[in-house]
Protein backbone atom coordinates (compact mmCIF):
# COMPACT_ATOMS: atom_id res chain seq x y z
CA MET A 1 57.78 107.19 102.96
CA PRO A 2 59.40 104.28 104.12
CA TYR A 3 62.50 104.75 101.73
CA ILE A 4 63.18 108.03 103.77
CA ALA A 5 63.20 106.61 107.11
CA LEU A 6 65.56 104.03 105.37
CA ALA A 7 68.12 106.56 104.30
CA MET A 8 68.19 107.82 107.65
CA LYS A 9 69.24 104.66 109.41
CA LYS A 10 72.35 105.27 111.50
CA ARG A 11 75.73 103.50 111.74
CA SER A 12 75.87 101.41 114.40
CA LYS A 13 79.94 101.52 115.03
CA PRO A 14 81.34 104.72 116.84
CA ALA A 15 82.36 107.68 114.38
CA VAL A 16 85.88 106.55 114.73
CA VAL A 17 87.33 108.75 111.86
CA THR A 18 85.83 111.89 113.71
CA LEU A 19 87.76 111.21 116.74
CA ALA A 20 90.93 110.35 114.97
CA ILE A 21 90.54 113.84 113.45
CA LEU A 22 90.15 115.46 116.68
CA ALA A 23 93.17 113.26 118.19
CA PHE A 24 95.36 114.60 115.45
CA GLY A 25 94.40 118.41 115.71
CA SER A 26 93.28 119.17 112.09
CA ALA A 27 92.53 122.57 111.27
CA VAL A 28 88.97 121.99 110.54
CA VAL A 29 86.38 124.19 112.21
CA GLN A 30 82.59 123.54 112.37
CA ALA A 31 81.30 126.70 110.55
CA ASP A 32 78.14 128.74 111.10
CA THR A 33 77.44 128.87 107.30
CA SER A 34 74.89 126.24 107.27
CA ALA A 35 72.00 128.05 105.86
CA ASP A 36 74.04 129.87 103.42
CA ALA A 37 75.21 126.43 101.94
CA TYR A 38 71.88 125.11 101.57
CA ARG A 39 70.63 128.37 100.21
CA ALA A 40 73.58 128.34 97.53
CA MET A 41 72.50 124.81 96.75
CA GLY A 42 68.90 125.36 96.60
CA ILE A 43 67.80 123.51 98.97
CA SER A 44 65.36 124.09 101.67
CA PRO A 45 67.05 123.65 105.41
CA THR A 46 63.56 121.54 105.77
CA ASP A 47 64.43 119.14 103.44
CA VAL A 48 67.71 118.43 104.82
CA LEU A 49 67.62 114.90 106.56
CA THR A 50 71.56 114.98 108.10
CA GLY A 51 74.14 117.41 106.91
CA THR A 52 78.03 118.60 107.61
CA VAL A 53 79.30 121.82 106.99
CA LEU A 54 82.87 122.60 107.70
CA THR A 55 85.09 125.66 107.13
CA ALA A 56 89.01 124.48 105.80
CA ARG A 57 91.40 124.75 103.52
CA VAL A 58 91.07 122.20 100.56
CA LEU A 59 92.27 124.37 97.53
CA PRO A 60 95.79 126.00 97.40
CA GLY A 61 95.97 129.49 98.66
CA ALA A 62 95.52 131.59 101.56
CA ASP A 63 91.48 131.67 101.81
CA LYS A 64 89.39 128.56 103.39
CA GLN A 65 86.62 126.77 101.78
CA VAL A 66 83.28 125.97 103.03
CA VAL A 67 82.58 122.12 102.43
CA ALA A 68 79.03 120.46 102.76
CA VAL A 69 77.82 116.72 102.78
CA THR A 70 74.05 117.02 102.49
CA THR A 71 71.42 114.57 102.52
CA TYR A 72 68.20 115.79 101.71
CA ILE A 73 64.62 114.90 100.17
CA THR A 74 64.82 115.94 96.46
CA GLY A 75 60.89 116.07 96.04
CA SER A 76 61.04 113.40 93.42
CA ASP A 77 58.15 110.70 93.91
CA ASN A 78 60.45 108.24 92.22
CA LYS A 79 61.77 105.91 95.39
CA SER A 80 65.25 105.97 93.77
CA ASP A 81 66.09 109.34 93.92
CA ALA A 82 63.84 110.79 96.59
CA VAL A 83 66.75 111.13 98.61
CA ASN A 84 70.19 112.36 97.53
CA VAL A 85 73.48 112.92 98.99
CA ARG A 86 75.73 115.55 97.60
CA LEU A 87 79.12 117.22 98.38
CA ASP A 88 79.85 120.70 97.57
CA VAL A 89 82.84 123.08 98.00
CA PHE A 90 82.25 126.59 98.08
CA ASN A 91 84.40 130.23 98.23
CA ARG A 92 82.76 132.74 100.25
CA GLN A 93 82.32 136.06 98.07
CA GLY A 94 81.26 138.49 100.30
CA GLU A 95 77.94 137.56 102.36
CA SER A 96 77.42 134.74 99.96
CA LEU A 97 79.01 131.27 98.84
CA ALA A 98 80.08 130.43 95.33
CA ARG A 99 80.31 126.98 94.21
CA VAL A 100 83.69 125.66 92.78
CA TRP A 101 83.27 122.18 92.73
CA GLY A 102 80.99 119.24 93.52
CA ARG A 103 79.34 115.74 93.20
CA SER A 104 76.13 114.19 93.57
CA PHE A 105 76.62 110.57 94.85
CA GLY A 106 73.09 109.71 94.34
CA THR A 107 73.27 110.36 90.57
CA GLU A 108 76.53 108.91 90.07
CA SER A 109 75.71 105.50 92.23
CA GLY A 110 72.02 104.94 90.83
CA GLY A 111 70.23 106.25 93.64
CA LEU A 112 68.97 104.72 96.78
CA VAL A 113 71.48 106.57 99.02
CA GLY A 114 71.34 108.32 102.32
CA ALA A 115 73.27 108.98 105.65
CA GLY A 116 76.05 110.97 104.11
CA GLU A 117 79.22 111.80 106.46
CA LEU A 118 82.20 114.14 106.11
CA GLN A 119 85.56 114.49 107.29
CA LEU A 120 88.42 116.86 106.37
CA ILE A 121 91.71 116.01 107.25
CA ASP A 122 95.28 117.07 106.34
CA LEU A 123 97.17 113.68 105.21
CA ASP A 124 99.97 115.06 103.79
CA ARG A 125 100.57 117.95 106.05
CA ASP A 126 100.83 120.34 103.46
CA GLY A 127 98.58 122.84 104.80
CA ILE A 128 95.59 121.60 102.60
CA ASN A 129 92.95 119.19 103.81
CA GLU A 130 91.73 116.05 102.09
CA ILE A 131 88.03 115.27 101.77
CA ILE A 132 86.61 111.99 103.06
CA ALA A 133 83.18 111.81 102.05
CA SER A 134 80.88 108.48 102.69
CA PHE A 135 77.14 107.54 102.29
CA GLU A 136 75.13 104.58 102.70
CA SER A 137 73.92 102.80 99.30
CA PHE A 138 70.62 100.70 99.40
CA LEU A 139 70.75 99.69 96.01
CA ASP A 140 70.78 95.94 96.73
CA PRO A 141 68.21 95.31 99.77
CA LEU A 142 70.21 92.34 100.69
CA ILE A 143 73.60 94.08 101.12
CA GLU A 144 74.31 96.50 103.93
CA GLN A 145 77.15 98.81 102.81
CA ARG A 146 78.61 102.19 103.68
CA LEU A 147 80.78 103.71 100.26
CA ALA A 148 83.56 106.30 100.78
CA GLU A 149 85.81 108.30 98.82
CA VAL A 150 89.13 110.11 99.76
CA ILE A 151 89.28 113.05 97.56
CA VAL A 152 92.73 115.17 97.24
CA ASN A 153 93.48 118.12 95.42
CA ASP A 154 96.14 117.99 92.84
CA ASP A 155 97.36 121.53 91.66
CA GLY A 156 93.74 122.79 92.10
CA ALA A 157 91.98 119.83 90.72
CA PHE A 158 90.08 117.37 92.85
CA ARG A 159 90.33 113.74 92.34
CA THR A 160 89.32 110.52 93.87
CA ALA A 161 92.70 108.94 95.18
CA TRP A 162 90.77 105.96 96.67
CA SER A 163 86.87 104.39 96.73
CA GLY A 164 85.49 101.61 98.50
CA ALA A 165 83.04 100.31 101.08
CA LEU A 166 84.04 100.91 104.74
CA ASP A 167 81.08 98.84 105.76
CA TYR A 168 79.88 95.69 103.98
CA ASP A 169 77.49 92.89 105.04
CA ALA A 170 76.56 90.68 102.11
CA THR A 171 76.00 87.49 104.54
CA ARG A 172 72.12 87.69 104.10
CA ALA A 173 71.98 87.46 100.23
CA ALA A 174 72.89 83.80 99.97
CA ARG A 175 70.60 83.43 97.05
CA ASP A 176 71.67 86.38 94.76
CA ILE A 177 75.28 86.81 95.74
CA PRO A 178 78.48 84.20 94.80
CA SER A 179 79.56 82.44 97.95
CA GLU A 180 82.90 84.48 97.49
CA ARG A 181 81.38 87.65 98.06
CA ARG A 182 79.33 87.11 101.05
CA ASP A 183 81.52 88.70 103.18
CA ARG A 184 81.08 91.06 106.44
CA PHE A 185 84.06 93.47 107.04
CA SER A 186 84.45 97.09 108.17
CA ARG A 187 87.37 99.65 107.48
CA GLU A 188 88.99 102.17 109.45
CA ILE A 189 91.56 104.54 108.19
CA ASP A 190 94.69 104.36 110.12
CA PHE A 191 95.48 108.10 110.39
CA ALA A 192 98.72 107.65 112.23
CA SER A 193 100.28 105.28 109.69
CA THR A 194 99.09 107.45 107.00
CA LEU A 195 100.36 110.66 108.11
CA ARG A 196 103.91 109.22 108.85
CA THR A 197 104.09 108.76 105.00
CA ARG A 198 103.03 112.59 104.54
CA GLY A 199 99.83 111.23 102.60
CA ILE A 200 101.68 109.51 99.86
CA THR A 201 100.29 105.92 101.16
CA LEU A 202 96.62 105.56 102.80
CA PHE A 203 96.64 102.77 105.30
CA MET A 204 93.32 100.84 106.31
CA ASN A 205 92.68 98.40 109.07
CA LYS A 206 90.17 95.95 107.78
CA GLN A 207 88.16 93.96 110.06
CA MET A 208 87.02 90.64 108.65
CA ILE A 209 83.68 89.43 110.68
CA ALA A 210 82.46 86.98 107.86
CA VAL A 211 84.20 85.31 104.81
CA ALA A 212 82.26 83.47 101.95
CA GLY A 213 79.08 83.62 104.09
CA GLU A 214 80.90 81.88 107.16
CA ARG A 215 81.08 84.04 110.43
CA LEU A 216 84.97 83.78 111.70
CA ALA A 217 85.58 82.25 115.11
CA GLN A 218 87.14 85.51 115.91
CA PRO A 219 87.37 88.98 113.91
CA LYS A 220 90.39 89.06 112.19
CA VAL A 221 92.10 92.64 111.20
CA VAL A 222 94.43 93.03 108.41
CA GLN A 223 96.17 96.25 107.31
CA GLU A 224 95.59 97.52 103.99
CA THR A 225 97.62 100.05 101.74
CA PHE A 226 96.43 102.01 99.12
CA PRO A 227 98.47 104.78 97.10
CA LEU A 228 97.30 108.32 97.66
CA ARG A 229 100.13 110.30 96.20
CA PRO A 230 103.11 109.65 94.19
CA SER A 231 106.26 110.19 96.26
CA ASP A 232 108.59 112.99 95.93
CA GLU A 233 111.10 111.17 94.09
CA THR A 234 108.48 110.44 91.36
CA ARG A 235 106.82 113.73 90.95
């Protein structure tokens, strides 16, 4: 099935986010519970295309949670939802996992997704890790894009604090996309700057490669800022 092969396409750029997490010493560790997580999801391990299962605190309290982003074959004959990417958060109850929260990115975005990725890092130094989940979207065959969300926890409830494209290339879509949108860029989270604000402001470095369909002579890097949490003065 060609659409499954498409969903497995790898990113060409290095996993800078993962390297940054290791550099800043996040408390996240690789879990030994992948099989337990897939069982709790009702997914056969043989249907998993890519999966990351991590153990860390993402909820208030002393206990750690199991967090998974899974790209898997759904069994559907429909091209749009033959592959799905989902995010799941579990609490451990004895020998089993109990799902406490989750998302289906394929369902929410209209299908044609793949290559999910997961990072966890404590951006505001409160001992609770934020969730960074991303996936590739193939809804428009002429646009290559990896969409991402930064998910924070406020008083036990998850919310998406930022969403957007980490990678975007619409330079091939000359006929279908207005010229002002035919850009090519990539974003990387500036963890050092974000951590200095204790997670109040998300800093990103956006590398512009092409603008309005025209490739720049030299890539231009601009720094973007987005609010993640209110400051202590406004809480």
